[in-house]
Amino acid sequence: MRKIYRKIAKKNGVSVAEVKRDMQEAINAAYQNPPQDGGVDAAYQQRIPCKRAIPTPDEFIRYAANKIKTK
């Protein structure tokens, strides 16, 4: 995970902490303000395994990477 964050940070000229913070803010916004599409987004969000109601960037990346691997 650290390698992923470092690569993103370097590419964008920011710190790793900024990358994680911005990712968490984006995830929070998606979970707290879902589009009004009849629950499709909520159904997808519930598939992401996480310890709390909203996943961390690490949890989200692991889920997304596993989804890509299985396709």
N, C-alpha and C. Protein backbone atom coordinates (compact mmCIF):
# COMPACT_ATOMS: atom_id res chain seq x y z
N MET A 1 0.81 -1.19 0.00
CA MET A 1 0.00 0.00 0.00
C MET A 1 0.86 1.26 0.00
N ARG A 2 1.92 1.23 0.78
CA ARG A 2 2.78 2.42 0.86
C ARG A 2 3.33 2.80 -0.51
N LYS A 3 3.67 1.79 -1.29
CA LYS A 3 4.23 2.05 -2.61
C LYS A 3 3.18 2.75 -3.50
N ILE A 4 1.95 2.33 -3.39
CA ILE A 4 0.88 2.95 -4.17
C ILE A 4 0.72 4.41 -3.78
N TYR A 5 0.64 4.65 -2.48
CA TYR A 5 0.47 6.03 -2.01
C TYR A 5 1.66 6.91 -2.40
N ARG A 6 2.87 6.38 -2.27
CA ARG A 6 4.06 7.17 -2.62
C ARG A 6 4.07 7.52 -4.10
N LYS A 7 3.68 6.57 -4.93
CA LYS A 7 3.67 6.81 -6.37
C LYS A 7 2.65 7.90 -6.73
N ILE A 8 1.48 7.83 -6.15
CA ILE A 8 0.45 8.84 -6.40
C ILE A 8 0.91 10.20 -5.89
N ALA A 9 1.49 10.22 -4.69
CA ALA A 9 1.96 11.48 -4.11
C ALA A 9 3.04 12.12 -4.98
N LYS A 10 3.98 11.32 -5.40
CA LYS A 10 5.07 11.85 -6.22
C LYS A 10 4.54 12.38 -7.55
N LYS A 11 3.65 11.64 -8.17
CA LYS A 11 3.09 12.06 -9.46
C LYS A 11 2.36 13.38 -9.35
N ASN A 12 1.74 13.63 -8.21
CA ASN A 12 0.93 14.84 -8.02
C ASN A 12 1.63 15.93 -7.20
N GLY A 13 2.86 15.66 -6.79
CA GLY A 13 3.63 16.66 -6.06
C GLY A 13 3.07 17.01 -4.69
N VAL A 14 2.53 15.99 -4.01
CA VAL A 14 1.95 16.20 -2.68
C VAL A 14 2.51 15.14 -1.74
N SER A 15 2.16 15.25 -0.47
CA SER A 15 2.61 14.26 0.51
C SER A 15 1.68 13.05 0.52
N VAL A 16 2.19 11.95 1.07
CA VAL A 16 1.38 10.75 1.22
C VAL A 16 0.17 11.03 2.11
N ALA A 17 0.39 11.83 3.15
CA ALA A 17 -0.71 12.18 4.05
C ALA A 17 -1.82 12.91 3.30
N GLU A 18 -1.43 13.79 2.38
CA GLU A 18 -2.43 14.51 1.57
C GLU A 18 -3.21 13.56 0.68
N VAL A 19 -2.51 12.61 0.10
CA VAL A 19 -3.17 11.63 -0.76
C VAL A 19 -4.22 10.87 0.04
N LYS A 20 -3.82 10.36 1.20
CA LYS A 20 -4.76 9.59 2.03
C LYS A 20 -5.93 10.45 2.49
N ARG A 21 -5.64 11.67 2.90
CA ARG A 21 -6.70 12.57 3.37
C ARG A 21 -7.70 12.87 2.24
N ASP A 22 -7.18 13.18 1.06
CA ASP A 22 -8.07 13.49 -0.06
C ASP A 22 -8.89 12.28 -0.49
N MET A 23 -8.27 11.12 -0.46
CA MET A 23 -9.02 9.90 -0.79
C MET A 23 -10.13 9.65 0.22
N GLN A 24 -9.82 9.82 1.50
CA GLN A 24 -10.84 9.61 2.53
C GLN A 24 -11.97 10.62 2.38
N GLU A 25 -11.64 11.86 2.06
CA GLU A 25 -12.68 12.87 1.86
C GLU A 25 -13.59 12.49 0.69
N ALA A 26 -13.01 11.98 -0.38
CA ALA A 26 -13.82 11.57 -1.53
C ALA A 26 -14.72 10.38 -1.20
N ILE A 27 -14.17 9.42 -0.47
CA ILE A 27 -14.96 8.25 -0.07
C ILE A 27 -16.09 8.69 0.86
N ASN A 28 -15.77 9.55 1.83
CA ASN A 28 -16.79 10.06 2.76
C ASN A 28 -17.91 10.75 2.00
N ALA A 29 -17.55 11.59 1.03
CA ALA A 29 -18.56 12.31 0.26
C ALA A 29 -19.46 11.35 -0.50
N ALA A 30 -18.88 10.31 -1.07
CA ALA A 30 -19.68 9.33 -1.81
C ALA A 30 -20.65 8.59 -0.91
N TYR A 31 -20.23 8.29 0.29
CA TYR A 31 -21.09 7.55 1.22
C TYR A 31 -22.12 8.45 1.90
N GLN A 32 -21.77 9.68 2.15
CA GLN A 32 -22.66 10.57 2.86
C GLN A 32 -23.65 11.30 1.95
N ASN A 33 -23.33 11.39 0.67
CA ASN A 33 -24.17 12.10 -0.29
C ASN A 33 -24.36 11.27 -1.56
N PRO A 34 -24.93 10.08 -1.46
CA PRO A 34 -25.06 9.24 -2.66
C PRO A 34 -26.08 9.84 -3.63
N PRO A 35 -25.90 9.58 -4.94
CA PRO A 35 -26.87 10.06 -5.92
C PRO A 35 -28.23 9.40 -5.67
N GLN A 36 -29.26 10.06 -6.05
CA GLN A 36 -30.62 9.55 -5.87
C GLN A 36 -30.97 8.65 -7.06
N ASP A 37 -30.41 7.45 -7.10
CA ASP A 37 -30.61 6.55 -8.23
C ASP A 37 -31.38 5.29 -7.86
N GLY A 38 -32.07 5.34 -6.77
CA GLY A 38 -32.85 4.17 -6.38
C GLY A 38 -32.08 3.14 -5.58
N GLY A 39 -30.94 3.50 -5.06
CA GLY A 39 -30.22 2.59 -4.18
C GLY A 39 -29.13 1.77 -4.83
N VAL A 40 -28.86 1.96 -6.10
CA VAL A 40 -27.82 1.18 -6.78
C VAL A 40 -26.46 1.43 -6.14
N ASP A 41 -26.13 2.69 -5.92
CA ASP A 41 -24.84 3.00 -5.31
C ASP A 41 -24.73 2.43 -3.91
N ALA A 42 -25.79 2.53 -3.14
CA ALA A 42 -25.78 1.99 -1.78
C ALA A 42 -25.53 0.49 -1.79
N ALA A 43 -26.11 -0.20 -2.75
CA ALA A 43 -25.91 -1.64 -2.86
C ALA A 43 -24.45 -1.96 -3.16
N TYR A 44 -23.82 -1.21 -4.04
CA TYR A 44 -22.41 -1.42 -4.34
C TYR A 44 -21.54 -1.08 -3.13
N GLN A 45 -21.89 0.00 -2.44
CA GLN A 45 -21.11 0.41 -1.28
C GLN A 45 -21.13 -0.66 -0.18
N GLN A 46 -22.23 -1.34 -0.04
CA GLN A 46 -22.34 -2.37 1.01
C GLN A 46 -21.47 -3.59 0.71
N ARG A 47 -21.03 -3.74 -0.52
CA ARG A 47 -20.17 -4.87 -0.89
C ARG A 47 -18.74 -4.71 -0.42
N ILE A 48 -18.33 -3.48 -0.15
CA ILE A 48 -16.95 -3.22 0.24
C ILE A 48 -16.77 -3.59 1.71
N PRO A 49 -15.96 -4.60 2.00
CA PRO A 49 -15.75 -4.98 3.40
C PRO A 49 -14.97 -3.90 4.14
N CYS A 50 -15.52 -3.48 5.27
CA CYS A 50 -14.85 -2.46 6.06
C CYS A 50 -15.24 -2.60 7.52
N LYS A 51 -14.37 -2.11 8.39
CA LYS A 51 -14.59 -2.24 9.84
C LYS A 51 -15.64 -1.27 10.35
N ARG A 52 -15.81 -0.16 9.66
CA ARG A 52 -16.79 0.86 10.07
C ARG A 52 -17.79 1.08 8.95
N ALA A 53 -18.64 2.06 9.10
CA ALA A 53 -19.69 2.32 8.10
C ALA A 53 -19.11 2.81 6.77
N ILE A 54 -17.96 3.47 6.83
CA ILE A 54 -17.32 4.02 5.64
C ILE A 54 -15.91 3.43 5.55
N PRO A 55 -15.54 2.88 4.38
CA PRO A 55 -14.21 2.27 4.27
C PRO A 55 -13.08 3.30 4.29
N THR A 56 -11.93 2.84 4.71
CA THR A 56 -10.72 3.64 4.64
C THR A 56 -10.18 3.54 3.21
N PRO A 57 -9.24 4.40 2.84
CA PRO A 57 -8.63 4.26 1.52
C PRO A 57 -8.00 2.88 1.32
N ASP A 58 -7.34 2.35 2.35
CA ASP A 58 -6.75 1.01 2.24
C ASP A 58 -7.81 -0.05 1.94
N GLU A 59 -8.91 -0.01 2.66
CA GLU A 59 -9.99 -0.98 2.44
C GLU A 59 -10.57 -0.85 1.04
N PHE A 60 -10.74 0.39 0.60
CA PHE A 60 -11.30 0.62 -0.72
C PHE A 60 -10.36 0.13 -1.82
N ILE A 61 -9.08 0.43 -1.69
CA ILE A 61 -8.09 0.01 -2.69
C ILE A 61 -8.01 -1.51 -2.76
N ARG A 62 -7.98 -2.17 -1.60
CA ARG A 62 -7.92 -3.64 -1.59
C ARG A 62 -9.13 -4.24 -2.30
N TYR A 63 -10.31 -3.70 -2.01
CA TYR A 63 -11.53 -4.20 -2.65
C TYR A 63 -11.47 -3.99 -4.16
N ALA A 64 -11.10 -2.77 -4.58
CA ALA A 64 -11.05 -2.47 -6.01
C ALA A 64 -10.00 -3.33 -6.72
N ALA A 65 -8.85 -3.52 -6.10
CA ALA A 65 -7.80 -4.34 -6.71
C ALA A 65 -8.26 -5.79 -6.86
N ASN A 66 -8.94 -6.31 -5.87
CA ASN A 66 -9.45 -7.69 -5.95
C ASN A 66 -10.51 -7.82 -7.03
N LYS A 67 -11.34 -6.80 -7.20
CA LYS A 67 -12.36 -6.83 -8.25
C LYS A 67 -11.70 -6.85 -9.62
N ILE A 68 -10.64 -6.08 -9.78
CA ILE A 68 -9.94 -6.03 -11.07
C ILE A 68 -9.27 -7.36 -11.36
N LYS A 69 -8.67 -7.97 -10.35
CA LYS A 69 -8.00 -9.27 -10.51
C LYS A 69 -8.95 -10.36 -10.95
N THR A 70 -10.18 -10.33 -10.45
CA THR A 70 -11.11 -11.42 -10.74
C THR A 70 -11.82 -11.26 -12.08
N LYS A 71 -11.58 -10.18 -12.77
CA LYS A 71 -12.22 -9.99 -14.09
C LYS A 71 -11.35 -10.50 -15.20
